[in-house]
């Protein structure tokens, strides 16, 4: 009796974000926080990343300094225990948004 198994590999290109396109806080950045962060950052732990509170919490808490790679927010999502909560494309989106001036748009 012979057993056969096969495995297919799929190659794909990781999604990249055009840094020339404006990144919008309300429709692109807030959903990252809502989907990945508010389980812990819901008002009792800084920054408060709930809808309606997140932008003020980030700006008033000095999370959005430039250069973007050195900002407190970006460093948090790419290191330690926080890095597992966001996809690489979400990290890239946050980096570009901060680099574009972290507008509340």
PDB file of N, CA and C in Angstrom:
ATOM      1  N   UNK A   1       0.840  -1.160   0.000  1.00  0.00           N
ATOM      2  CA  UNK A   1       0.000   0.000   0.000  1.00  0.00           C
ATOM      3  C   UNK A   1       0.897   1.239   0.000  1.00  0.00           C
ATOM      4  N   UNK A   2       0.628   2.126  -0.897  1.00  0.00           N
ATOM      5  CA  UNK A   2       1.427   3.341  -1.023  1.00  0.00           C
ATOM      6  C   UNK A   2       0.565   4.544  -0.684  1.00  0.00           C
ATOM      7  N   UNK A   3       1.147   5.459   0.047  1.00  0.00           N
ATOM      8  CA  UNK A   3       0.454   6.698   0.381  1.00  0.00           C
ATOM      9  C   UNK A   3       1.193   7.849  -0.267  1.00  0.00           C
ATOM     10  N   UNK A   4       0.427   8.734  -0.823  1.00  0.00           N
ATOM     11  CA  UNK A   4       1.012   9.905  -1.459  1.00  0.00           C
ATOM     12  C   UNK A   4       0.394  11.151  -0.843  1.00  0.00           C
ATOM     13  N   UNK A   5       1.199  12.123  -0.698  1.00  0.00           N
ATOM     14  CA  UNK A   5       0.676  13.421  -0.276  1.00  0.00           C
ATOM     15  C   UNK A   5       1.393  14.484  -1.081  1.00  0.00           C
ATOM     16  N   UNK A   6       0.742  15.568  -1.214  1.00  0.00           N
ATOM     17  CA  UNK A   6       1.378  16.649  -1.961  1.00  0.00           C
ATOM     18  C   UNK A   6       1.156  17.954  -1.223  1.00  0.00           C
ATOM     19  N   UNK A   7       1.984  18.853  -1.556  1.00  0.00           N
ATOM     20  CA  UNK A   7       1.918  20.166  -0.945  1.00  0.00           C
ATOM     21  C   UNK A   7       2.130  21.179  -2.053  1.00  0.00           C
ATOM     22  N   UNK A   8       1.243  22.130  -2.144  1.00  0.00           N
ATOM     23  CA  UNK A   8       1.413  23.175  -3.146  1.00  0.00           C
ATOM     24  C   UNK A   8       1.894  24.434  -2.452  1.00  0.00           C
ATOM     25  N   UNK A   9       2.806  25.090  -3.096  1.00  0.00           N
ATOM     26  CA  UNK A   9       3.283  26.362  -2.572  1.00  0.00           C
ATOM     27  C   UNK A   9       2.750  27.466  -3.470  1.00  0.00           C
ATOM     28  N   UNK A  10       2.302  28.511  -2.852  1.00  0.00           N
ATOM     29  CA  UNK A  10       1.797  29.653  -3.594  1.00  0.00           C
ATOM     30  C   UNK A  10       2.732  30.828  -3.335  1.00  0.00           C
ATOM     31  N   UNK A  11       3.195  31.398  -4.384  1.00  0.00           N
ATOM     32  CA  UNK A  11       4.038  32.585  -4.254  1.00  0.00           C
ATOM     33  C   UNK A  11       3.139  33.806  -4.409  1.00  0.00           C
ATOM     34  N   UNK A  12       3.337  34.761  -3.584  1.00  0.00           N
ATOM     35  CA  UNK A  12       2.575  35.994  -3.700  1.00  0.00           C
ATOM     36  C   UNK A  12       3.457  37.160  -3.299  1.00  0.00           C
ATOM     37  N   UNK A  13       3.121  38.274  -3.856  1.00  0.00           N
ATOM     38  CA  UNK A  13       3.831  39.495  -3.519  1.00  0.00           C
ATOM     39  C   UNK A  13       3.120  40.146  -2.339  1.00  0.00           C
ATOM     40  N   UNK A  14       3.831  40.516  -1.311  1.00  0.00           N
ATOM     41  CA  UNK A  14       3.175  41.205  -0.208  1.00  0.00           C
ATOM     42  C   UNK A  14       2.626  42.544  -0.683  1.00  0.00           C
ATOM     43  N   UNK A  15       1.493  42.909  -0.143  1.00  0.00           N
ATOM     44  CA  UNK A  15       0.871  44.174  -0.507  1.00  0.00           C
ATOM     45  C   UNK A  15       1.775  45.319  -0.064  1.00  0.00           C
ATOM     46  N   UNK A  16       1.930  46.284  -0.925  1.00  0.00           N
ATOM     47  CA  UNK A  16       2.684  47.474  -0.549  1.00  0.00           C
ATOM     48  C   UNK A  16       1.769  48.677  -0.683  1.00  0.00           C
ATOM     49  N   UNK A  17       2.083  49.698   0.025  1.00  0.00           N
ATOM     50  CA  UNK A  17       1.273  50.903   0.037  1.00  0.00           C
ATOM     51  C   UNK A  17       2.056  51.999  -0.646  1.00  0.00           C
ATOM     52  N   UNK A  18       1.403  52.707  -1.536  1.00  0.00           N
ATOM     53  CA  UNK A  18       2.035  53.799  -2.263  1.00  0.00           C
ATOM     54  C   UNK A  18       2.238  54.970  -1.305  1.00  0.00           C
ATOM     55  N   UNK A  19       3.492  55.295  -0.975  1.00  0.00           N
ATOM     56  CA  UNK A  19       3.729  56.384  -0.029  1.00  0.00           C
ATOM     57  C   UNK A  19       3.338  57.751  -0.578  1.00  0.00           C
ATOM     58  N   UNK A  20       3.063  57.832  -1.886  1.00  0.00           N
ATOM     59  CA  UNK A  20       2.642  59.098  -2.467  1.00  0.00           C
ATOM     60  C   UNK A  20       1.165  59.386  -2.276  1.00  0.00           C
ATOM     61  N   UNK A  21       0.393  58.360  -1.974  1.00  0.00           N
ATOM     62  CA  UNK A  21      -1.042  58.532  -1.744  1.00  0.00           C
ATOM     63  C   UNK A  21      -1.277  58.959  -0.297  1.00  0.00           C
ATOM     64  N   UNK A  22      -2.184  59.906  -0.069  1.00  0.00           N
ATOM     65  CA  UNK A  22      -2.461  60.301   1.314  1.00  0.00           C
ATOM     66  C   UNK A  22      -3.070  59.144   2.111  1.00  0.00           C
ATOM     67  N   UNK A  23      -2.594  58.955   3.315  1.00  0.00           N
ATOM     68  CA  UNK A  23      -3.159  57.957   4.223  1.00  0.00           C
ATOM     69  C   UNK A  23      -4.142  58.697   5.126  1.00  0.00           C
ATOM     70  N   UNK A  24      -5.356  58.192   5.197  1.00  0.00           N
ATOM     71  CA  UNK A  24      -6.424  58.858   5.935  1.00  0.00           C
ATOM     72  C   UNK A  24      -6.613  58.234   7.316  1.00  0.00           C
ATOM     73  N   UNK A  25      -6.610  59.085   8.321  1.00  0.00           N
ATOM     74  CA  UNK A  25      -6.729  58.597   9.691  1.00  0.00           C
ATOM     75  C   UNK A  25      -8.049  57.874   9.924  1.00  0.00           C
ATOM     76  N   UNK A  26      -9.152  58.512   9.564  1.00  0.00           N
ATOM     77  CA  UNK A  26     -10.467  57.963   9.897  1.00  0.00           C
ATOM     78  C   UNK A  26     -10.773  56.639   9.203  1.00  0.00           C
ATOM     79  N   UNK A  27     -10.335  56.484   7.952  1.00  0.00           N
ATOM     80  CA  UNK A  27     -10.710  55.281   7.194  1.00  0.00           C
ATOM     81  C   UNK A  27      -9.606  54.242   7.063  1.00  0.00           C
ATOM     82  N   UNK A  28      -8.364  54.606   7.380  1.00  0.00           N
ATOM     83  CA  UNK A  28      -7.266  53.655   7.240  1.00  0.00           C
ATOM     84  C   UNK A  28      -6.531  53.366   8.548  1.00  0.00           C
ATOM     85  N   UNK A  29      -6.300  54.385   9.359  1.00  0.00           N
ATOM     86  CA  UNK A  29      -5.529  54.200  10.592  1.00  0.00           C
ATOM     87  C   UNK A  29      -6.423  53.767  11.753  1.00  0.00           C
ATOM     88  N   UNK A  30      -7.535  54.459  11.956  1.00  0.00           N
ATOM     89  CA  UNK A  30      -8.430  54.088  13.059  1.00  0.00           C
ATOM     90  C   UNK A  30      -8.881  52.631  12.970  1.00  0.00           C
ATOM     91  N   UNK A  31      -9.202  52.106  11.767  1.00  0.00           N
ATOM     92  CA  UNK A  31      -9.565  50.680  11.701  1.00  0.00           C
ATOM     93  C   UNK A  31      -8.454  49.731  12.170  1.00  0.00           C
ATOM     94  N   UNK A  32      -7.193  50.121  12.019  1.00  0.00           N
ATOM     95  CA  UNK A  32      -6.082  49.307  12.540  1.00  0.00           C
ATOM     96  C   UNK A  32      -6.183  49.253  14.066  1.00  0.00           C
ATOM     97  N   UNK A  33      -6.413  50.403  14.687  1.00  0.00           N
ATOM     98  CA  UNK A  33      -6.539  50.453  16.144  1.00  0.00           C
ATOM     99  C   UNK A  33      -7.771  49.681  16.614  1.00  0.00           C
ATOM    100  N   UNK A  34      -8.886  49.898  15.929  1.00  0.00           N
ATOM    101  CA  UNK A  34     -10.138  49.247  16.320  1.00  0.00           C
ATOM    102  C   UNK A  34     -10.032  47.733  16.209  1.00  0.00           C
ATOM    103  N   UNK A  35      -9.403  47.259  15.154  1.00  0.00           N
ATOM    104  CA  UNK A  35      -9.297  45.824  14.937  1.00  0.00           C
ATOM    105  C   UNK A  35      -8.228  45.127  15.754  1.00  0.00           C
ATOM    106  N   UNK A  36      -7.206  45.863  16.177  1.00  0.00           N
ATOM    107  CA  UNK A  36      -6.051  45.213  16.800  1.00  0.00           C
ATOM    108  C   UNK A  36      -5.691  45.681  18.204  1.00  0.00           C
ATOM    109  N   UNK A  37      -6.132  46.861  18.580  1.00  0.00           N
ATOM    110  CA  UNK A  37      -5.557  47.477  19.775  1.00  0.00           C
ATOM    111  C   UNK A  37      -6.534  47.769  20.904  1.00  0.00           C
ATOM    112  N   UNK A  38      -7.808  48.015  20.572  1.00  0.00           N
ATOM    113  CA  UNK A  38      -8.701  48.499  21.630  1.00  0.00           C
ATOM    114  C   UNK A  38      -9.114  47.438  22.643  1.00  0.00           C
ATOM    115  N   UNK A  39      -8.723  46.206  22.413  1.00  0.00           N
ATOM    116  CA  UNK A  39      -8.979  45.211  23.449  1.00  0.00           C
ATOM    117  C   UNK A  39      -8.256  45.608  24.737  1.00  0.00           C
ATOM    118  N   UNK A  40      -7.098  46.211  24.597  1.00  0.00           N
ATOM    119  CA  UNK A  40      -6.331  46.671  25.766  1.00  0.00           C
ATOM    120  C   UNK A  40      -6.361  48.189  25.922  1.00  0.00           C
ATOM    121  N   UNK A  41      -6.335  48.907  24.815  1.00  0.00           N
ATOM    122  CA  UNK A  41      -6.246  50.373  24.840  1.00  0.00           C
ATOM    123  C   UNK A  41      -7.629  50.983  24.659  1.00  0.00           C
ATOM    124  N   UNK A  42      -8.488  50.755  25.646  1.00  0.00           N
ATOM    125  CA  UNK A  42      -9.876  51.209  25.558  1.00  0.00           C
ATOM    126  C   UNK A  42     -10.230  52.221  26.636  1.00  0.00           C
ATOM    127  N   UNK A  43      -9.271  53.015  27.025  1.00  0.00           N
ATOM    128  CA  UNK A  43      -9.528  54.077  27.985  1.00  0.00           C
ATOM    129  C   UNK A  43      -8.829  53.908  29.313  1.00  0.00           C
ATOM    130  N   UNK A  44      -8.544  52.681  29.695  1.00  0.00           N
ATOM    131  CA  UNK A  44      -7.884  52.463  30.982  1.00  0.00           C
ATOM    132  C   UNK A  44      -6.370  52.352  30.846  1.00  0.00           C
ATOM    133  N   UNK A  45      -5.876  52.266  29.612  1.00  0.00           N
ATOM    134  CA  UNK A  45      -4.435  52.156  29.349  1.00  0.00           C
ATOM    135  C   UNK A  45      -4.086  53.138  28.229  1.00  0.00           C
ATOM    136  N   UNK A  46      -3.023  53.898  28.418  1.00  0.00           N
ATOM    137  CA  UNK A  46      -2.588  54.857  27.393  1.00  0.00           C
ATOM    138  C   UNK A  46      -1.860  54.153  26.270  1.00  0.00           C
ATOM    139  N   UNK A  47      -2.008  54.636  25.049  1.00  0.00           N
ATOM    140  CA  UNK A  47      -2.971  55.640  24.624  1.00  0.00           C
ATOM    141  C   UNK A  47      -4.363  55.034  24.471  1.00  0.00           C
ATOM    142  N   UNK A  48      -5.372  55.877  24.625  1.00  0.00           N
ATOM    143  CA  UNK A  48      -6.763  55.465  24.425  1.00  0.00           C
ATOM    144  C   UNK A  48      -7.004  55.438  22.918  1.00  0.00           C
ATOM    145  N   UNK A  49      -7.210  54.270  22.355  1.00  0.00           N
ATOM    146  CA  UNK A  49      -7.314  54.134  20.899  1.00  0.00           C
ATOM    147  C   UNK A  49      -8.740  53.907  20.412  1.00  0.00           C
ATOM    148  N   UNK A  50      -9.712  54.238  21.241  1.00  0.00           N
ATOM    149  CA  UNK A  50     -11.107  54.131  20.818  1.00  0.00           C
ATOM    150  C   UNK A  50     -11.450  55.244  19.831  1.00  0.00           C
ATOM    151  N   UNK A  51     -12.437  54.964  18.980  1.00  0.00           N
ATOM    152  CA  UNK A  51     -12.939  55.962  18.034  1.00  0.00           C
ATOM    153  C   UNK A  51     -13.352  57.201  18.825  1.00  0.00           C
ATOM    154  N   UNK A  52     -12.960  58.349  18.335  1.00  0.00           N
ATOM    155  CA  UNK A  52     -13.310  59.600  18.988  1.00  0.00           C
ATOM    156  C   UNK A  52     -12.310  60.054  20.043  1.00  0.00           C
ATOM    157  N   UNK A  53     -11.429  59.176  20.460  1.00  0.00           N
ATOM    158  CA  UNK A  53     -10.442  59.505  21.491  1.00  0.00           C
ATOM    159  C   UNK A  53      -9.006  59.328  21.003  1.00  0.00           C
ATOM    160  N   UNK A  54      -8.814  58.488  20.020  1.00  0.00           N
ATOM    161  CA  UNK A  54      -7.465  58.056  19.648  1.00  0.00           C
ATOM    162  C   UNK A  54      -6.574  59.188  19.153  1.00  0.00           C
ATOM    163  N   UNK A  55      -7.068  60.034  18.275  1.00  0.00           N
ATOM    164  CA  UNK A  55      -6.199  61.066  17.713  1.00  0.00           C
ATOM    165  C   UNK A  55      -5.685  61.997  18.812  1.00  0.00           C
ATOM    166  N   UNK A  56      -6.582  62.472  19.657  1.00  0.00           N
ATOM    167  CA  UNK A  56      -6.165  63.363  20.749  1.00  0.00           C
ATOM    168  C   UNK A  56      -5.214  62.645  21.699  1.00  0.00           C
ATOM    169  N   UNK A  57      -5.493  61.398  21.988  1.00  0.00           N
ATOM    170  CA  UNK A  57      -4.631  60.633  22.892  1.00  0.00           C
ATOM    171  C   UNK A  57      -3.225  60.478  22.323  1.00  0.00           C
ATOM    172  N   UNK A  58      -3.138  60.242  21.020  1.00  0.00           N
ATOM    173  CA  UNK A  58      -1.830  60.081  20.372  1.00  0.00           C
ATOM    174  C   UNK A  58      -1.064  61.396  20.309  1.00  0.00           C
ATOM    175  N   UNK A  59      -1.755  62.486  19.962  1.00  0.00           N
ATOM    176  CA  UNK A  59      -1.054  63.766  19.840  1.00  0.00           C
ATOM    177  C   UNK A  59      -0.684  64.336  21.210  1.00  0.00           C
ATOM    178  N   UNK A  60      -1.597  64.269  22.151  1.00  0.00           N
ATOM    179  CA  UNK A  60      -1.320  64.814  23.482  1.00  0.00           C
ATOM    180  C   UNK A  60      -0.316  63.961  24.259  1.00  0.00           C
ATOM    181  N   UNK A  61      -0.210  62.686  23.913  1.00  0.00           N
ATOM    182  CA  UNK A  61       0.725  61.797  24.600  1.00  0.00           C
ATOM    183  C   UNK A  61       2.079  61.703  23.926  1.00  0.00           C
ATOM    184  N   UNK A  62       2.319  62.553  22.922  1.00  0.00           N
ATOM    185  CA  UNK A  62       3.596  62.598  22.196  1.00  0.00           C
ATOM    186  C   UNK A  62       3.969  61.272  21.540  1.00  0.00           C
ATOM    187  N   UNK A  63       2.994  60.603  20.951  1.00  0.00           N
ATOM    188  CA  UNK A  63       3.242  59.337  20.263  1.00  0.00           C
ATOM    189  C   UNK A  63       3.606  59.535  18.796  1.00  0.00           C
ATOM    190  N   UNK A  64       3.493  60.756  18.283  1.00  0.00           N
ATOM    191  CA  UNK A  64       3.597  60.973  16.841  1.00  0.00           C
ATOM    192  C   UNK A  64       4.756  61.859  16.422  1.00  0.00           C
ATOM    193  N   UNK A  65       5.884  61.752  17.047  1.00  0.00           N
ATOM    194  CA  UNK A  65       7.035  62.577  16.677  1.00  0.00           C
ATOM    195  C   UNK A  65       7.635  62.114  15.357  1.00  0.00           C
ATOM    196  N   UNK A  66       8.409  62.982  14.765  1.00  0.00           N
ATOM    197  CA  UNK A  66       9.097  62.623  13.528  1.00  0.00           C
ATOM    198  C   UNK A  66      10.591  62.649  13.790  1.00  0.00           C
ATOM    199  N   UNK A  67      11.405  61.926  13.055  1.00  0.00           N
ATOM    200  CA  UNK A  67      11.025  61.081  11.930  1.00  0.00           C
ATOM    201  C   UNK A  67      10.130  59.924  12.375  1.00  0.00           C
ATOM    202  N   UNK A  68       9.287  59.501  11.450  1.00  0.00           N
ATOM    203  CA  UNK A  68       8.253  58.517  11.749  1.00  0.00           C
ATOM    204  C   UNK A  68       8.803  57.239  12.372  1.00  0.00           C
ATOM    205  N   UNK A  69       9.966  56.788  11.910  1.00  0.00           N
ATOM    206  CA  UNK A  69      10.552  55.538  12.431  1.00  0.00           C
ATOM    207  C   UNK A  69      10.872  55.633  13.915  1.00  0.00           C
ATOM    208  N   UNK A  70      11.066  56.852  14.394  1.00  0.00           N
ATOM    209  CA  UNK A  70      11.426  57.056  15.797  1.00  0.00           C
ATOM    210  C   UNK A  70      10.238  57.421  16.671  1.00  0.00           C
ATOM    211  N   UNK A  71       9.061  57.519  16.081  1.00  0.00           N
ATOM    212  CA  UNK A  71       7.891  57.900  16.868  1.00  0.00           C
ATOM    213  C   UNK A  71       7.552  56.803  17.868  1.00  0.00           C
ATOM    214  N   UNK A  72       7.012  57.214  18.978  1.00  0.00           N
ATOM    215  CA  UNK A  72       6.656  56.279  20.046  1.00  0.00           C
ATOM    216  C   UNK A  72       5.617  55.266  19.554  1.00  0.00           C
ATOM    217  N   UNK A  73       4.642  55.720  18.767  1.00  0.00           N
ATOM    218  CA  UNK A  73       3.616  54.811  18.246  1.00  0.00           C
ATOM    219  C   UNK A  73       4.228  53.750  17.346  1.00  0.00           C
ATOM    220  N   UNK A  74       5.050  54.164  16.396  1.00  0.00           N
ATOM    221  CA  UNK A  74       5.639  53.193  15.470  1.00  0.00           C
ATOM    222  C   UNK A  74       6.564  52.217  16.201  1.00  0.00           C
ATOM    223  N   UNK A  75       7.375  52.723  17.103  1.00  0.00           N
ATOM    224  CA  UNK A  75       8.271  51.832  17.859  1.00  0.00           C
ATOM    225  C   UNK A  75       7.482  50.792  18.653  1.00  0.00           C
ATOM    226  N   UNK A  76       6.329  51.196  19.177  1.00  0.00           N
ATOM    227  CA  UNK A  76       5.496  50.258  19.939  1.00  0.00           C
ATOM    228  C   UNK A  76       4.964  49.131  19.065  1.00  0.00           C
ATOM    229  N   UNK A  77       4.522  49.452  17.837  1.00  0.00           N
ATOM    230  CA  UNK A  77       3.882  48.409  17.020  1.00  0.00           C
ATOM    231  C   UNK A  77       4.870  47.514  16.286  1.00  0.00           C
ATOM    232  N   UNK A  78       6.148  47.880  16.281  1.00  0.00           N
ATOM    233  CA  UNK A  78       7.130  47.027  15.592  1.00  0.00           C
ATOM    234  C   UNK A  78       8.055  46.276  16.547  1.00  0.00           C
ATOM    235  N   UNK A  79       7.849  46.430  17.845  1.00  0.00           N
ATOM    236  CA  UNK A  79       8.753  45.763  18.778  1.00  0.00           C
ATOM    237  C   UNK A  79       7.988  45.113  19.923  1.00  0.00           C
ATOM    238  N   UNK A  80       8.679  44.259  20.617  1.00  0.00           N
ATOM    239  CA  UNK A  80       8.118  43.623  21.803  1.00  0.00           C
ATOM    240  C   UNK A  80       6.837  42.862  21.532  1.00  0.00           C
ATOM    241  N   UNK A  81       5.996  42.830  22.529  1.00  0.00           N
ATOM    242  CA  UNK A  81       4.760  42.051  22.422  1.00  0.00           C
ATOM    243  C   UNK A  81       3.745  42.672  21.480  1.00  0.00           C
ATOM    244  N   UNK A  82       3.875  43.952  21.166  1.00  0.00           N
ATOM    245  CA  UNK A  82       2.906  44.614  20.297  1.00  0.00           C
ATOM    246  C   UNK A  82       3.038  44.222  18.825  1.00  0.00           C
ATOM    247  N   UNK A  83       4.208  43.802  18.395  1.00  0.00           N
ATOM    248  CA  UNK A  83       4.419  43.558  16.966  1.00  0.00           C
ATOM    249  C   UNK A  83       3.555  42.433  16.423  1.00  0.00           C
ATOM    250  N   UNK A  84       3.117  41.521  17.252  1.00  0.00           N
ATOM    251  CA  UNK A  84       2.290  40.403  16.789  1.00  0.00           C
ATOM    252  C   UNK A  84       0.849  40.816  16.500  1.00  0.00           C
ATOM    253  N   UNK A  85       0.445  41.988  16.952  1.00  0.00           N
ATOM    254  CA  UNK A  85      -0.949  42.393  16.812  1.00  0.00           C
ATOM    255  C   UNK A  85      -1.269  43.070  15.488  1.00  0.00           C
ATOM    256  N   UNK A  86      -0.259  43.466  14.732  1.00  0.00           N
ATOM    257  CA  UNK A  86      -0.516  44.151  13.463  1.00  0.00           C
ATOM    258  C   UNK A  86       0.212  43.466  12.319  1.00  0.00           C
ATOM    259  N   UNK A  87      -0.404  43.541  11.149  1.00  0.00           N
ATOM    260  CA  UNK A  87       0.203  43.006   9.932  1.00  0.00           C
ATOM    261  C   UNK A  87       1.298  43.946   9.453  1.00  0.00           C
ATOM    262  N   UNK A  88       2.197  43.445   8.633  1.00  0.00           N
ATOM    263  CA  UNK A  88       3.264  44.293   8.088  1.00  0.00           C
ATOM    264  C   UNK A  88       2.690  45.462   7.303  1.00  0.00           C
ATOM    265  N   UNK A  89       1.616  45.230   6.550  1.00  0.00           N
ATOM    266  CA  UNK A  89       1.014  46.325   5.779  1.00  0.00           C
ATOM    267  C   UNK A  89       0.413  47.375   6.704  1.00  0.00           C
ATOM    268  N   UNK A  90      -0.113  46.970   7.849  1.00  0.00           N
ATOM    269  CA  UNK A  90      -0.653  47.933   8.804  1.00  0.00           C
ATOM    270  C   UNK A  90       0.469  48.749   9.432  1.00  0.00           C
ATOM    271  N   UNK A  91       1.579  48.108   9.727  1.00  0.00           N
ATOM    272  CA  UNK A  91       2.741  48.831  10.258  1.00  0.00           C
ATOM    273  C   UNK A  91       3.228  49.858   9.236  1.00  0.00           C
ATOM    274  N   UNK A  92       3.285  49.436   7.966  1.00  0.00           N
ATOM    275  CA  UNK A  92       3.724  50.326   6.892  1.00  0.00           C
ATOM    276  C   UNK A  92       2.765  51.506   6.751  1.00  0.00           C
ATOM    277  N   UNK A  93       1.479  51.245   6.853  1.00  0.00           N
ATOM    278  CA  UNK A  93       0.467  52.289   6.750  1.00  0.00           C
ATOM    279  C   UNK A  93       0.639  53.326   7.856  1.00  0.00           C
ATOM    280  N   UNK A  94       0.853  52.875   9.081  1.00  0.00           N
ATOM    281  CA  UNK A  94       1.062  53.787  10.209  1.00  0.00           C
ATOM    282  C   UNK A  94       2.333  54.604   9.999  1.00  0.00           C
ATOM    283  N   UNK A  95       3.394  53.972   9.546  1.00  0.00           N
ATOM    284  CA  UNK A  95       4.656  54.670   9.294  1.00  0.00           C
ATOM    285  C   UNK A  95       4.469  55.774   8.252  1.00  0.00           C
ATOM    286  N   UNK A  96       3.793  55.458   7.165  1.00  0.00           N
ATOM    287  CA  UNK A  96       3.561  56.452   6.111  1.00  0.00           C
ATOM    288  C   UNK A  96       2.680  57.578   6.632  1.00  0.00           C
ATOM    289  N   UNK A  97       1.628  57.239   7.370  1.00  0.00           N
ATOM    290  CA  UNK A  97       0.720  58.252   7.910  1.00  0.00           C
ATOM    291  C   UNK A  97       1.477  59.234   8.804  1.00  0.00           C
ATOM    292  N   UNK A  98       2.319  58.728   9.686  1.00  0.00           N
ATOM    293  CA  UNK A  98       3.098  59.616  10.555  1.00  0.00           C
ATOM    294  C   UNK A  98       4.042  60.465   9.710  1.00  0.00           C
ATOM    295  N   UNK A  99       4.688  59.847   8.725  1.00  0.00           N
ATOM    296  CA  UNK A  99       5.597  60.575   7.842  1.00  0.00           C
ATOM    297  C   UNK A  99       4.910  61.668   7.039  1.00  0.00           C
ATOM    298  N   UNK A 100       3.624  61.492   6.775  1.00  0.00           N
ATOM    299  CA  UNK A 100       2.855  62.498   6.041  1.00  0.00           C
ATOM    300  C   UNK A 100       2.325  63.600   6.956  1.00  0.00           C
ATOM    301  N   UNK A 101       2.695  63.560   8.210  1.00  0.00           N
ATOM    302  CA  UNK A 101       2.289  64.612   9.135  1.00  0.00           C
ATOM    303  C   UNK A 101       1.230  64.187  10.134  1.00  0.00           C
ATOM    304  N   UNK A 102       0.819  62.929  10.110  1.00  0.00           N
ATOM    305  CA  UNK A 102      -0.166  62.381  11.057  1.00  0.00           C
ATOM    306  C   UNK A 102      -1.397  63.273  11.172  1.00  0.00           C
ATOM    307  N   UNK A 103      -2.014  63.512  10.030  1.00  0.00           N
ATOM    308  CA  UNK A 103      -3.187  64.390   9.995  1.00  0.00           C
ATOM    309  C   UNK A 103      -4.432  63.681  10.504  1.00  0.00           C
ATOM    310  N   UNK A 104      -5.340  64.455  11.078  1.00  0.00           N
ATOM    311  CA  UNK A 104      -6.634  63.934  11.527  1.00  0.00           C
ATOM    312  C   UNK A 104      -7.625  64.104  10.379  1.00  0.00           C
ATOM    313  N   UNK A 105      -7.451  63.269   9.357  1.00  0.00           N
ATOM    314  CA  UNK A 105      -8.276  63.387   8.152  1.00  0.00           C
ATOM    315  C   UNK A 105      -9.134  62.157   7.944  1.00  0.00           C
TER     316      UNK A 105
END
